[in-house]
Amino acid sequence: MRSLQIPAVALLCLLISPAHAGTSATPAAMAAYADQLLDQQKVSAETPGFTVLVARGDQLLYKGARGMASIELGVSMQPDQVLRVGSVTKQFAAAMLLRQIDEGKASLDDPLSRFLPDYPSGSRITLRQLLNHTSGVKSYTSIPGYMGNPVRRDLSTSELINEFKDLPVDFAPGEKWAYNNSGYVLVGAVVEAIAGQPWFQAIESQLLKPAGITSVHYEASDKLFKGMAHGYTFNQTGAPVPAGLLSMTQPHAAGALISNTEGLWRWNQALHGGKLLSRASYERMTTPEGAAKASRYGFGIASVMLRDQVMLMHTGGIHGFSSVLDYLPASKTTVVILRNSDGASGARDSMLAQKLAAFAIGEPFPDVVPVEVPVVQLKTGEGVYRLDDRQTRTLRLRDGGLTSQRSGSGALPLIPLGDDRFVFQDSTSELKLERGSDGKVIAVRVFNNGEKQGERWVRSGELPAEPVFMTLNPAQMDLLVGDYASPQFSIRVFVDERGRLMGQAPRQPSFELQAKTPRQLLIPQVGAQLDFNGDDGKAASVTLTQGGQKLVMQRR
């Protein structure tokens, strides 16, 4: 669920102005710009913090931190603090398996059954499908109730696999793409079967030590890690509280590593610098294919565009922590953001990382300076626009402002910049109305993450009718009211003073929940659906569906 708060407008100072399009940022300019963006985050001695690093090749451009590493002890966050990196772990696991493939010990098209002969239908699942999330295996983190007490147990690799191996698959192997933590537990299990040692020991001995990387570790429960920050989540009032308990045996090769920002910078240098894998394996790792191509996901790495440059990246979210790791191959630019809180910070940190990367390569995003546009002029943009046979975009006036809603996603506010140009709120992407000779809007062009050409969406129809919702009575609402949480996200469901059923994520505005049925509710503003479990009685969990992804949250 995305925040709908308009970011503060940044005013660049003279220290920053030398960096312009085509001129890579100097360390001094980068530091001035980064400090300005970080100061806008408004962290304090009462809030969790984050660390940031920006580098170009071997040159460190910026390293900084804000907020607290330990609120209870009054310890400020330092730039070299160690934090959990969550799903960024996946690219380490993927690289380890690819290293074994380079050594002739496996192949991408090997069936899982070659290494785990007792795994049900393992003969139909390939290593390639585990690596790019197309296996269809049930992700154990989406099992109702699992992310509560069950995830606190210490489990061996085989015990963890037993938790999901007999569950029905979500789809036939290779048929679709769906982000899958179980798939990377199986990647770790295959690494172990080949190496004859735990997955993390194989990564340390065969990847990290040879590359001289000393600040990336598996968070073993019987070890102390110098500089490890405390992890936090947020309660229903938005106040920080200790993160939920989690045995780090369970994130496994899907998310159990810890690091500081410099460790991930050195990892980027080694991985993308050709020091770890053959050229063929590296290209497969960074090139989406098959059912994963539409989601732009390779093996533990997503491939997106920033300012018309390829950006290889991954994010992570785990109990008490979140992370962003970006790399632009053309300029060898690394951006790392590590935060010691979970919840709804992922989209904000991804945008922050994009702004830092764009500035570093000399293609900074301009400040957002909203202008007043008459409602009657905004209304001319209303309608349905089509990109291809599958994708549409609806522009609609809401609360006096124009919004854009892509099929399968939520309605995003558009901030007017003048001359029929808009920027998506909390984003670096822009939209421009295209008018015909008669002044009517005939298309929109969307510039994702600063691309120059943009996508052209042609007007294909008028606005569809708004959906019709039912009204829940107080007793029906009461069955849904409560606090629901998972490691990645949490939501509070409550009845406000006007008698409306509302949903609110930490540090985000509340939205009215619109009921299709007594147990299925929508949040149209963000394109999200909430399915509360059971047919009667108080709901024990709720499944959030948004952007094609599902997340199960348990009642606290």
Protein backbone atom coordinates (compact mmCIF):
# COMPACT_ATOMS: atom_id res chain seq x y z
CA MET A 1 0.00 0.00 0.00
CA ARG A 2 1.52 3.26 -1.08
CA SER A 3 1.69 6.47 0.90
CA LEU A 4 -0.40 9.29 -0.47
CA GLN A 5 1.46 12.11 1.27
CA ILE A 6 2.98 14.78 -0.98
CA PRO A 7 6.76 14.88 -0.39
CA ALA A 8 8.29 18.14 0.76
CA VAL A 9 9.58 20.27 -2.09
CA ALA A 10 13.38 20.34 -2.18
CA LEU A 11 15.27 23.51 -3.11
CA LEU A 12 18.77 22.80 -4.42
CA CYS A 13 21.49 25.03 -3.05
CA LEU A 14 24.54 26.44 -4.84
CA LEU A 15 26.71 23.65 -3.46
CA ILE A 16 24.72 21.16 -5.51
CA SER A 17 24.26 23.07 -8.73
CA PRO A 18 27.52 22.01 -10.48
CA ALA A 19 26.04 18.53 -11.09
CA HIS A 20 23.93 18.78 -14.24
CA ALA A 21 22.78 16.40 -16.95
CA GLY A 22 25.72 14.48 -18.36
CA THR A 23 28.19 15.47 -15.62
CA SER A 24 28.78 12.86 -12.93
CA ALA A 25 28.51 14.20 -9.40
CA THR A 26 31.63 15.04 -7.41
CA PRO A 27 31.83 13.71 -3.83
CA ALA A 28 31.20 17.23 -2.48
CA ALA A 29 28.10 17.77 -4.62
CA MET A 30 26.86 14.26 -3.86
CA ALA A 31 27.28 14.80 -0.13
CA ALA A 32 25.39 18.12 -0.21
CA TYR A 33 22.51 16.61 -2.18
CA ALA A 34 22.36 13.40 -0.12
CA ASP A 35 22.41 15.31 3.17
CA GLN A 36 19.55 17.45 1.91
CA LEU A 37 17.42 14.42 0.96
CA LEU A 38 18.22 12.61 4.20
CA ASP A 39 17.34 15.65 6.30
CA GLN A 40 13.90 15.63 4.66
CA GLN A 41 13.24 12.17 6.17
CA LYS A 42 12.62 13.89 9.51
CA VAL A 43 14.06 11.22 11.79
CA SER A 44 14.93 12.06 15.40
CA ALA A 45 16.31 10.64 18.63
CA GLU A 46 12.93 8.97 19.11
CA THR A 47 12.76 7.16 15.78
CA PRO A 48 14.54 4.23 14.10
CA GLY A 49 17.12 5.22 11.54
CA PHE A 50 18.80 4.26 8.31
CA THR A 51 22.20 4.21 6.62
CA VAL A 52 23.02 5.30 3.06
CA LEU A 53 25.96 4.76 0.72
CA VAL A 54 26.54 6.03 -2.83
CA ALA A 55 29.61 4.97 -4.82
CA ARG A 56 30.88 4.99 -8.38
CA GLY A 57 33.18 2.06 -9.06
CA ASP A 58 35.90 2.15 -6.40
CA GLN A 59 35.12 5.76 -5.48
CA LEU A 60 33.00 6.40 -2.41
CA LEU A 61 30.76 9.40 -3.11
CA TYR A 62 28.75 9.48 0.11
CA LYS A 63 28.20 7.51 3.29
CA GLY A 64 25.84 8.71 6.00
CA ALA A 65 23.21 7.83 8.58
CA ARG A 66 20.23 9.31 10.39
CA GLY A 67 18.07 8.32 13.37
CA MET A 68 18.76 5.77 16.07
CA ALA A 69 20.43 2.35 16.08
CA SER A 70 18.94 1.77 19.54
CA ILE A 71 16.18 4.01 20.81
CA GLU A 72 16.22 2.38 24.25
CA LEU A 73 19.95 2.93 24.76
CA GLY A 74 20.09 6.29 23.03
CA VAL A 75 22.60 5.09 20.44
CA SER A 76 22.61 7.08 17.21
CA MET A 77 22.81 5.27 13.90
CA GLN A 78 26.30 5.27 12.42
CA PRO A 79 27.18 4.83 8.71
CA ASP A 80 28.85 1.43 9.31
CA GLN A 81 26.05 -0.03 11.41
CA VAL A 82 25.11 -3.65 10.58
CA LEU A 83 21.46 -4.42 9.70
CA ARG A 84 19.41 -7.26 8.28
CA VAL A 85 19.22 -7.09 4.49
CA GLY A 86 16.20 -9.40 4.06
CA SER A 87 15.54 -10.51 0.49
CA VAL A 88 18.73 -8.95 -0.85
CA THR A 89 20.07 -12.28 0.46
CA LYS A 90 18.51 -13.94 -2.58
CA GLN A 91 21.17 -12.66 -4.98
CA PHE A 92 23.89 -14.15 -2.77
CA ALA A 93 22.12 -17.52 -2.83
CA ALA A 94 21.55 -17.27 -6.58
CA ALA A 95 25.19 -16.42 -7.22
CA MET A 96 26.30 -19.36 -5.09
CA LEU A 97 24.19 -21.82 -7.08
CA LEU A 98 25.39 -20.30 -10.35
CA ARG A 99 28.97 -20.66 -9.12
CA GLN A 100 28.31 -24.37 -8.60
CA ILE A 101 26.83 -24.53 -12.08
CA ASP A 102 29.97 -22.87 -13.46
CA GLU A 103 31.95 -25.63 -11.76
CA GLY A 104 29.92 -28.28 -13.59
CA LYS A 105 28.17 -29.55 -10.48
CA ALA A 106 24.66 -28.70 -11.73
CA SER A 107 22.81 -27.07 -14.62
CA LEU A 108 19.91 -24.62 -14.75
CA ASP A 109 17.67 -27.24 -16.34
CA ASP A 110 18.41 -29.90 -13.74
CA PRO A 111 15.27 -31.06 -11.93
CA LEU A 112 15.02 -30.39 -8.22
CA SER A 113 14.68 -34.15 -7.72
CA ARG A 114 18.35 -34.63 -8.67
CA PHE A 115 19.34 -32.94 -5.38
CA LEU A 116 16.21 -33.44 -3.25
CA PRO A 117 14.86 -36.82 -4.44
CA ASP A 118 12.07 -36.89 -1.85
CA TYR A 119 10.56 -33.54 -2.80
CA PRO A 120 7.02 -34.03 -4.23
CA SER A 121 6.94 -33.43 -8.01
CA GLY A 122 10.58 -32.40 -7.84
CA SER A 123 11.13 -33.94 -11.26
CA ARG A 124 8.92 -31.21 -12.79
CA ILE A 125 10.67 -28.24 -11.13
CA THR A 126 13.97 -26.95 -12.50
CA LEU A 127 16.68 -24.97 -10.77
CA ARG A 128 15.99 -22.13 -13.22
CA GLN A 129 12.37 -21.95 -12.03
CA LEU A 130 13.46 -21.78 -8.38
CA LEU A 131 15.86 -18.95 -9.18
CA ASN A 132 13.38 -16.77 -11.08
CA HIS A 133 10.21 -17.43 -9.03
CA THR A 134 8.37 -19.46 -11.67
CA SER A 135 8.26 -22.80 -9.82
CA GLY A 136 4.69 -22.45 -8.51
CA VAL A 137 5.75 -23.87 -5.13
CA LYS A 138 3.68 -22.55 -2.23
CA SER A 139 5.56 -19.74 -0.48
CA TYR A 140 5.65 -20.65 3.20
CA THR A 141 5.46 -16.99 4.26
CA SER A 142 1.94 -16.83 2.78
CA ILE A 143 0.61 -19.80 4.79
CA PRO A 144 -2.17 -18.45 7.07
CA GLY A 145 -0.90 -18.12 10.62
CA TYR A 146 2.68 -19.05 9.78
CA MET A 147 4.24 -15.63 10.33
CA GLY A 148 3.05 -15.59 13.95
CA ASN A 149 4.41 -18.12 16.44
CA PRO A 150 5.52 -20.76 13.87
CA VAL A 151 8.19 -18.47 12.42
CA ARG A 152 9.86 -18.17 15.83
CA ARG A 153 11.02 -21.82 15.87
CA ASP A 154 14.56 -22.92 15.05
CA LEU A 155 14.29 -25.33 12.11
CA SER A 156 16.79 -27.25 10.06
CA THR A 157 16.65 -26.96 6.28
CA SER A 158 14.73 -30.25 5.96
CA GLU A 159 12.32 -29.27 8.74
CA LEU A 160 11.62 -25.94 7.06
CA ILE A 161 10.98 -27.63 3.71
CA ASN A 162 8.54 -30.00 5.45
CA GLU A 163 6.41 -26.97 6.30
CA PHE A 164 5.44 -26.39 2.65
CA LYS A 165 6.49 -29.32 0.47
CA ASP A 166 3.14 -31.16 0.65
CA LEU A 167 0.95 -28.09 0.07
CA PRO A 168 -0.81 -27.66 -3.30
CA VAL A 169 1.21 -25.65 -5.82
CA ASP A 170 -0.03 -22.24 -6.93
CA PHE A 171 0.46 -23.04 -10.63
CA ALA A 172 2.28 -25.48 -12.90
CA PRO A 173 6.07 -24.94 -12.98
CA GLY A 174 7.06 -22.34 -15.54
CA GLU A 175 3.48 -21.19 -16.19
CA LYS A 176 3.56 -17.93 -14.23
CA TRP A 177 5.73 -15.67 -12.09
CA ALA A 178 5.05 -15.14 -8.38
CA TYR A 179 7.55 -13.94 -5.79
CA ASN A 180 8.37 -16.99 -3.71
CA ASN A 181 10.39 -17.39 -0.52
CA SER A 182 10.02 -21.18 -0.53
CA GLY A 183 11.80 -21.26 -3.89
CA TYR A 184 14.91 -19.73 -2.34
CA VAL A 185 14.80 -22.05 0.66
CA LEU A 186 15.01 -24.80 -1.97
CA VAL A 187 17.86 -22.94 -3.70
CA GLY A 188 19.68 -22.99 -0.35
CA ALA A 189 18.91 -26.69 0.06
CA VAL A 190 20.37 -27.45 -3.37
CA VAL A 191 23.50 -25.44 -2.53
CA GLU A 192 23.85 -27.50 0.64
CA ALA A 193 23.34 -30.80 -1.18
CA ILE A 194 26.13 -29.92 -3.64
CA ALA A 195 28.53 -28.26 -1.18
CA GLY A 196 28.06 -30.65 1.72
CA GLN A 197 27.83 -27.72 4.13
CA PRO A 198 25.22 -25.11 5.19
CA TRP A 199 24.28 -22.65 2.44
CA PHE A 200 25.69 -19.64 4.29
CA GLN A 201 29.03 -21.34 4.93
CA ALA A 202 29.30 -22.08 1.21
CA ILE A 203 28.62 -18.41 0.40
CA GLU A 204 31.20 -17.26 2.92
CA SER A 205 33.96 -19.62 1.84
CA GLN A 206 33.42 -19.56 -1.92
CA LEU A 207 32.15 -16.03 -2.59
CA LEU A 208 32.76 -13.60 0.27
CA LYS A 209 36.23 -14.54 1.49
CA PRO A 210 37.81 -14.74 -1.99
CA ALA A 211 36.34 -11.29 -2.74
CA GLY A 212 37.64 -9.84 0.55
CA ILE A 213 34.13 -9.07 1.84
CA THR A 214 34.18 -9.22 5.64
CA SER A 215 31.01 -7.41 6.74
CA VAL A 216 28.33 -9.71 5.27
CA HIS A 217 27.25 -12.50 7.63
CA TYR A 218 24.56 -15.04 8.40
CA GLU A 219 22.79 -13.88 11.56
CA ALA A 220 23.43 -16.97 13.68
CA SER A 221 21.66 -16.92 17.04
CA ASP A 222 24.78 -18.02 18.96
CA LYS A 223 27.00 -15.15 17.79
CA LEU A 224 27.37 -11.46 18.57
CA PHE A 225 27.80 -9.01 15.70
CA LYS A 226 29.59 -5.77 16.46
CA GLY A 227 27.56 -2.74 15.39
CA MET A 228 24.28 -4.64 14.94
CA ALA A 229 21.35 -2.22 15.11
CA HIS A 230 18.13 -3.01 16.94
CA GLY A 231 15.09 -3.67 14.76
CA TYR A 232 11.71 -1.95 15.15
CA THR A 233 8.18 -2.00 13.87
CA PHE A 234 5.34 0.48 14.50
CA ASN A 235 2.16 0.09 16.53
CA GLN A 236 -1.27 1.34 15.47
CA THR A 237 -0.49 4.86 16.67
CA GLY A 238 2.70 5.00 14.62
CA ALA A 239 5.01 4.71 17.63
CA PRO A 240 8.11 2.50 17.27
CA VAL A 241 8.11 -0.77 19.21
CA PRO A 242 10.47 -3.78 19.17
CA ALA A 243 10.20 -5.89 16.03
CA GLY A 244 8.43 -9.24 16.19
CA LEU A 245 10.43 -12.33 17.09
CA LEU A 246 11.91 -14.40 14.29
CA SER A 247 14.29 -17.35 14.17
CA MET A 248 16.83 -16.53 11.48
CA THR A 249 16.89 -20.21 10.52
CA GLN A 250 13.60 -19.57 8.78
CA PRO A 251 14.40 -16.75 6.32
CA HIS A 252 17.18 -19.12 5.25
CA ALA A 253 18.66 -18.41 1.80
CA ALA A 254 15.63 -16.20 1.08
CA GLY A 255 16.58 -13.53 3.63
CA ALA A 256 18.87 -14.35 6.57
CA LEU A 257 22.00 -12.28 5.85
CA ILE A 258 23.12 -9.09 7.59
CA SER A 259 25.53 -6.42 6.36
CA ASN A 260 26.54 -2.80 6.49
CA THR A 261 26.33 -0.57 3.44
CA GLU A 262 29.99 -1.02 2.56
CA GLY A 263 29.62 -4.80 2.52
CA LEU A 264 26.90 -4.53 -0.12
CA TRP A 265 28.97 -2.03 -2.10
CA ARG A 266 31.88 -4.51 -2.15
CA TRP A 267 29.44 -7.26 -3.11
CA ASN A 268 28.23 -5.20 -6.08
CA GLN A 269 31.82 -4.63 -7.18
CA ALA A 270 32.64 -8.33 -7.02
CA LEU A 271 29.42 -9.65 -8.58
CA HIS A 272 29.02 -7.08 -11.35
CA GLY A 273 32.74 -6.75 -11.86
CA GLY A 274 33.05 -10.32 -13.13
CA LYS A 275 34.92 -11.67 -10.12
CA LEU A 276 32.41 -14.34 -9.05
CA LEU A 277 30.68 -15.86 -12.08
CA SER A 278 31.33 -16.73 -15.68
CA ARG A 279 30.07 -14.20 -18.22
CA ALA A 280 27.35 -16.65 -19.33
CA SER A 281 26.05 -17.21 -15.79
CA TYR A 282 26.14 -13.49 -14.99
CA GLU A 283 24.13 -12.68 -18.12
CA ARG A 284 21.52 -15.29 -17.18
CA MET A 285 21.36 -13.91 -13.65
CA THR A 286 20.68 -10.37 -14.85
CA THR A 287 18.46 -11.12 -17.88
CA PRO A 288 14.78 -11.88 -17.19
CA GLU A 289 13.34 -14.65 -19.33
CA GLY A 290 10.20 -16.71 -19.84
CA ALA A 291 7.34 -16.10 -17.43
CA ALA A 292 9.62 -13.86 -15.34
CA LYS A 293 10.31 -11.45 -18.20
CA ALA A 294 7.20 -9.32 -17.68
CA SER A 295 8.15 -8.88 -14.01
CA ARG A 296 11.73 -7.98 -15.05
CA TYR A 297 13.17 -10.54 -12.64
CA GLY A 298 16.35 -12.49 -13.31
CA PHE A 299 17.94 -14.68 -10.63
CA GLY A 300 17.81 -12.77 -7.34
CA ILE A 301 18.02 -9.48 -9.25
CA ALA A 302 15.42 -7.29 -10.94
CA SER A 303 16.34 -5.33 -14.07
CA VAL A 304 14.60 -1.95 -14.40
CA MET A 305 15.34 1.38 -16.09
CA LEU A 306 16.43 4.66 -14.55
CA ARG A 307 17.05 7.70 -16.75
CA ASP A 308 17.19 5.34 -19.76
CA GLN A 309 19.92 3.29 -18.10
CA VAL A 310 19.64 -0.30 -16.92
CA MET A 311 19.46 -0.55 -13.14
CA LEU A 312 19.96 -3.93 -11.44
CA MET A 313 18.33 -3.95 -8.03
CA HIS A 314 16.59 -5.76 -5.20
CA THR A 315 14.79 -4.71 -2.06
CA GLY A 316 14.29 -6.52 1.23
CA GLY A 317 11.79 -6.50 4.06
CA ILE A 318 12.11 -8.61 7.21
CA HIS A 319 11.19 -8.33 10.90
CA GLY A 320 12.54 -4.96 12.04
CA PHE A 321 14.45 -4.03 8.88
CA SER A 322 14.20 -3.05 5.21
CA SER A 323 16.79 -2.58 2.46
CA VAL A 324 17.45 -1.32 -1.06
CA LEU A 325 20.45 -2.30 -3.22
CA ASP A 326 20.79 -0.66 -6.67
CA TYR A 327 23.50 -0.90 -9.33
CA LEU A 328 23.83 0.93 -12.65
CA PRO A 329 26.27 -1.03 -14.83
CA ALA A 330 26.96 1.78 -17.33
CA SER A 331 28.56 3.96 -14.66
CA LYS A 332 29.26 1.26 -12.03
CA THR A 333 27.11 3.23 -9.58
CA THR A 334 26.00 1.63 -6.33
CA VAL A 335 23.29 2.95 -3.99
CA VAL A 336 22.53 1.19 -0.70
CA ILE A 337 19.86 2.08 1.86
CA LEU A 338 19.47 0.02 5.04
CA ARG A 339 16.75 0.83 7.57
CA ASN A 340 16.18 -0.64 11.05
CA SER A 341 12.40 -0.61 10.84
CA ASP A 342 9.88 -2.59 8.84
CA GLY A 343 6.48 -1.55 7.53
CA ALA A 344 5.67 0.84 4.71
CA SER A 345 9.08 2.43 4.04
CA GLY A 346 9.99 0.35 0.97
CA ALA A 347 8.51 2.56 -1.74
CA ARG A 348 9.90 5.70 -0.10
CA ASP A 349 13.39 4.23 0.16
CA SER A 350 13.29 2.99 -3.44
CA MET A 351 12.44 6.51 -4.61
CA LEU A 352 15.18 7.97 -2.41
CA ALA A 353 17.68 5.52 -3.92
CA GLN A 354 16.56 6.44 -7.45
CA LYS A 355 17.07 10.15 -6.77
CA LEU A 356 20.53 9.52 -5.34
CA ALA A 357 21.50 7.34 -8.31
CA ALA A 358 20.19 9.84 -10.85
CA PHE A 359 22.15 12.65 -9.22
CA ALA A 360 25.29 10.53 -9.09
CA ILE A 361 25.21 9.90 -12.85
CA GLY A 362 24.57 13.54 -13.69
CA GLU A 363 20.88 13.12 -14.54
CA PRO A 364 19.20 14.55 -11.41
CA PHE A 365 15.45 14.65 -11.07
CA PRO A 366 14.13 18.22 -10.87
CA ASP A 367 12.38 19.47 -7.78
CA VAL A 368 8.64 19.00 -7.71
CA VAL A 369 7.04 22.44 -7.77
CA PRO A 370 3.24 22.03 -7.95
CA VAL A 371 1.18 24.59 -9.87
CA GLU A 372 -2.51 25.44 -9.67
CA VAL A 373 -4.56 24.00 -12.52
CA PRO A 374 -8.31 24.71 -12.83
CA VAL A 375 -10.50 21.66 -12.23
CA VAL A 376 -12.23 22.20 -15.56
CA GLN A 377 -8.89 21.82 -17.31
CA LEU A 378 -7.99 18.71 -15.31
CA LYS A 379 -11.35 17.17 -16.18
CA THR A 380 -10.45 17.16 -19.89
CA GLY A 381 -7.93 14.45 -19.12
CA GLU A 382 -10.51 12.03 -17.71
CA GLY A 383 -10.92 8.82 -19.65
CA VAL A 384 -9.50 5.38 -20.37
CA TYR A 385 -6.19 5.00 -22.18
CA ARG A 386 -4.74 1.81 -23.63
CA LEU A 387 -1.10 0.75 -24.01
CA ASP A 388 -1.76 -2.66 -25.60
CA ASP A 389 -4.33 -5.45 -25.61
CA ARG A 390 -3.86 -6.10 -21.88
CA GLN A 391 -3.03 -2.83 -20.20
CA THR A 392 -5.23 0.18 -19.61
CA ARG A 393 -4.87 3.35 -17.58
CA THR A 394 -7.80 5.34 -16.19
CA LEU A 395 -7.52 9.05 -15.44
CA ARG A 396 -10.19 10.32 -13.06
CA LEU A 397 -10.81 13.39 -10.92
CA ARG A 398 -10.84 12.63 -7.19
CA ASP A 399 -11.09 15.32 -4.50
CA GLY A 400 -10.28 18.07 -6.97
CA GLY A 401 -7.14 16.39 -8.34
CA LEU A 402 -6.39 14.12 -11.27
CA THR A 403 -5.48 10.49 -10.54
CA SER A 404 -4.05 7.75 -12.72
CA GLN A 405 -4.95 4.10 -12.19
CA ARG A 406 -3.25 1.38 -14.19
CA SER A 407 -5.12 -1.91 -14.62
CA GLY A 408 -4.37 -4.12 -11.61
CA SER A 409 -2.99 -1.24 -9.53
CA GLY A 410 -4.24 1.59 -7.37
CA ALA A 411 -5.21 5.14 -8.21
CA LEU A 412 -2.17 7.40 -7.86
CA PRO A 413 -2.52 11.17 -7.43
CA LEU A 414 -0.91 13.29 -10.14
CA ILE A 415 0.81 16.50 -9.08
CA PRO A 416 0.42 19.16 -11.80
CA LEU A 417 3.62 20.82 -13.02
CA GLY A 418 2.05 22.97 -15.74
CA ASP A 419 1.86 22.59 -19.55
CA ASP A 420 -0.18 19.37 -19.15
CA ARG A 421 2.71 17.74 -17.27
CA PHE A 422 2.28 15.82 -14.02
CA VAL A 423 4.47 13.85 -11.65
CA PHE A 424 3.16 10.76 -9.87
CA GLN A 425 3.00 11.39 -6.15
CA ASP A 426 5.88 9.77 -4.21
CA SER A 427 7.53 8.80 -7.48
CA THR A 428 10.13 9.91 -9.99
CA SER A 429 7.82 9.08 -12.93
CA GLU A 430 5.93 11.69 -14.95
CA LEU A 431 2.83 11.81 -17.18
CA LYS A 432 2.01 14.26 -19.97
CA LEU A 433 -1.34 14.82 -21.66
CA GLU A 434 -1.20 14.82 -25.46
CA ARG A 435 -3.84 16.95 -27.21
CA GLY A 436 -5.11 16.93 -30.76
CA SER A 437 -5.59 19.97 -32.99
CA ASP A 438 -9.01 20.53 -31.41
CA GLY A 439 -7.54 20.70 -27.92
CA LYS A 440 -9.01 17.37 -26.78
CA VAL A 441 -6.75 14.86 -25.01
CA ILE A 442 -6.04 11.98 -27.39
CA ALA A 443 -3.28 10.17 -25.48
CA VAL A 444 -1.00 10.29 -22.45
CA ARG A 445 2.71 9.64 -22.39
CA VAL A 446 4.21 8.09 -19.24
CA PHE A 447 7.90 8.60 -18.46
CA ASN A 448 8.89 5.88 -15.98
CA ASN A 449 11.81 6.76 -13.71
CA GLY A 450 13.00 9.54 -15.94
CA GLU A 451 13.07 7.77 -19.29
CA LYS A 452 13.18 10.15 -22.24
CA GLN A 453 10.91 8.49 -24.81
CA GLY A 454 8.09 7.30 -22.56
CA GLU A 455 5.14 4.99 -23.18
CA ARG A 456 2.28 6.29 -25.27
CA TRP A 457 -1.19 5.32 -24.01
CA VAL A 458 -3.93 6.10 -26.57
CA ARG A 459 -7.35 7.27 -25.42
CA SER A 460 -9.79 4.39 -25.93
CA GLY A 461 -12.97 5.36 -24.10
CA GLU A 462 -14.86 7.34 -21.52
CA LEU A 463 -14.78 6.75 -17.78
CA PRO A 464 -16.39 3.50 -16.58
CA ALA A 465 -19.05 3.66 -13.91
CA GLU A 466 -17.81 3.58 -10.33
CA PRO A 467 -18.29 0.15 -8.63
CA VAL A 468 -21.26 -0.41 -6.32
CA PHE A 469 -20.49 -1.47 -2.74
CA MET A 470 -22.62 -2.87 0.07
CA THR A 471 -23.01 -1.35 3.54
CA LEU A 472 -21.84 -3.47 6.48
CA ASN A 473 -23.76 -3.34 9.73
CA PRO A 474 -21.92 -2.79 13.06
CA ALA A 475 -21.87 -6.51 13.88
CA GLN A 476 -20.25 -7.37 10.53
CA MET A 477 -17.67 -4.63 11.00
CA ASP A 478 -16.83 -5.84 14.49
CA LEU A 479 -15.75 -9.23 13.14
CA LEU A 480 -13.09 -7.55 11.03
CA VAL A 481 -11.82 -4.87 13.44
CA GLY A 482 -8.31 -5.51 14.74
CA ASP A 483 -4.57 -5.26 14.10
CA TYR A 484 -3.06 -7.53 11.45
CA ALA A 485 0.65 -7.93 10.74
CA SER A 486 3.32 -9.75 8.75
CA PRO A 487 7.08 -9.08 8.64
CA GLN A 488 6.67 -6.89 5.58
CA PHE A 489 3.52 -4.97 6.40
CA SER A 490 0.82 -4.31 8.97
CA ILE A 491 -2.62 -2.76 8.96
CA ARG A 492 -5.08 -1.59 11.58
CA VAL A 493 -8.79 -2.05 10.83
CA PHE A 494 -11.09 0.14 12.92
CA VAL A 495 -14.38 2.02 12.95
CA ASP A 496 -14.01 5.80 12.95
CA GLU A 497 -16.15 8.40 14.68
CA ARG A 498 -18.46 8.54 11.64
CA GLY A 499 -19.15 4.80 11.81
CA ARG A 500 -17.02 3.95 8.75
CA LEU A 501 -14.80 0.87 8.57
CA MET A 502 -11.27 2.12 7.98
CA GLY A 503 -7.84 0.65 7.27
CA GLN A 504 -4.55 2.29 8.15
CA ALA A 505 -0.93 1.22 7.76
CA PRO A 506 1.75 2.70 10.02
CA ARG A 507 2.62 6.31 9.15
CA GLN A 508 0.08 6.37 6.33
CA PRO A 509 -3.32 8.02 5.99
CA SER A 510 -6.40 5.95 6.73
CA PHE A 511 -8.73 4.82 3.93
CA GLU A 512 -12.35 3.79 4.03
CA LEU A 513 -12.79 0.09 3.26
CA GLN A 514 -15.43 -0.55 0.60
CA ALA A 515 -17.26 -3.88 0.97
CA LYS A 516 -18.00 -6.15 -2.00
CA THR A 517 -19.02 -8.89 0.46
CA PRO A 518 -18.95 -9.04 4.28
CA ARG A 519 -15.43 -10.55 4.05
CA GLN A 520 -14.03 -9.01 0.88
CA LEU A 521 -13.22 -5.30 0.96
CA LEU A 522 -11.47 -2.94 -1.43
CA ILE A 523 -9.32 0.14 -1.05
CA PRO A 524 -9.87 1.72 -4.48
CA GLN A 525 -7.40 4.54 -3.93
CA VAL A 526 -4.45 2.12 -3.88
CA GLY A 527 -5.86 -0.77 -5.92
CA ALA A 528 -5.81 -3.11 -2.92
CA GLN A 529 -8.18 -5.88 -1.86
CA LEU A 530 -8.55 -7.30 1.65
CA ASP A 531 -9.93 -10.84 2.03
CA PHE A 532 -10.67 -11.70 5.65
CA ASN A 533 -10.55 -15.42 6.41
CA GLY A 534 -13.52 -17.53 7.50
CA ASP A 535 -17.24 -17.28 6.88
CA ASP A 536 -18.24 -16.22 10.38
CA GLY A 537 -16.67 -15.26 13.69
CA LYS A 538 -13.75 -12.90 14.14
CA ALA A 539 -11.26 -12.99 11.28
CA ALA A 540 -7.95 -14.57 12.30
CA SER A 541 -6.08 -13.24 9.27
CA VAL A 542 -6.45 -11.05 6.21
CA THR A 543 -4.90 -11.45 2.76
CA LEU A 544 -3.83 -8.23 1.07
CA THR A 545 -3.80 -8.40 -2.74
CA GLN A 546 -2.18 -5.53 -4.57
CA GLY A 547 -0.39 -5.28 -7.90
CA GLY A 548 -0.71 -9.01 -8.50
CA GLN A 549 1.03 -9.86 -5.20
CA LYS A 550 -0.51 -11.39 -2.09
CA LEU A 551 0.48 -10.92 1.54
CA VAL A 552 -1.09 -12.72 4.49
CA MET A 553 -1.29 -10.83 7.78
CA GLN A 554 -2.26 -12.46 11.07
CA ARG A 555 -4.43 -10.90 13.75
CA ARG A 556 -2.20 -9.76 16.59
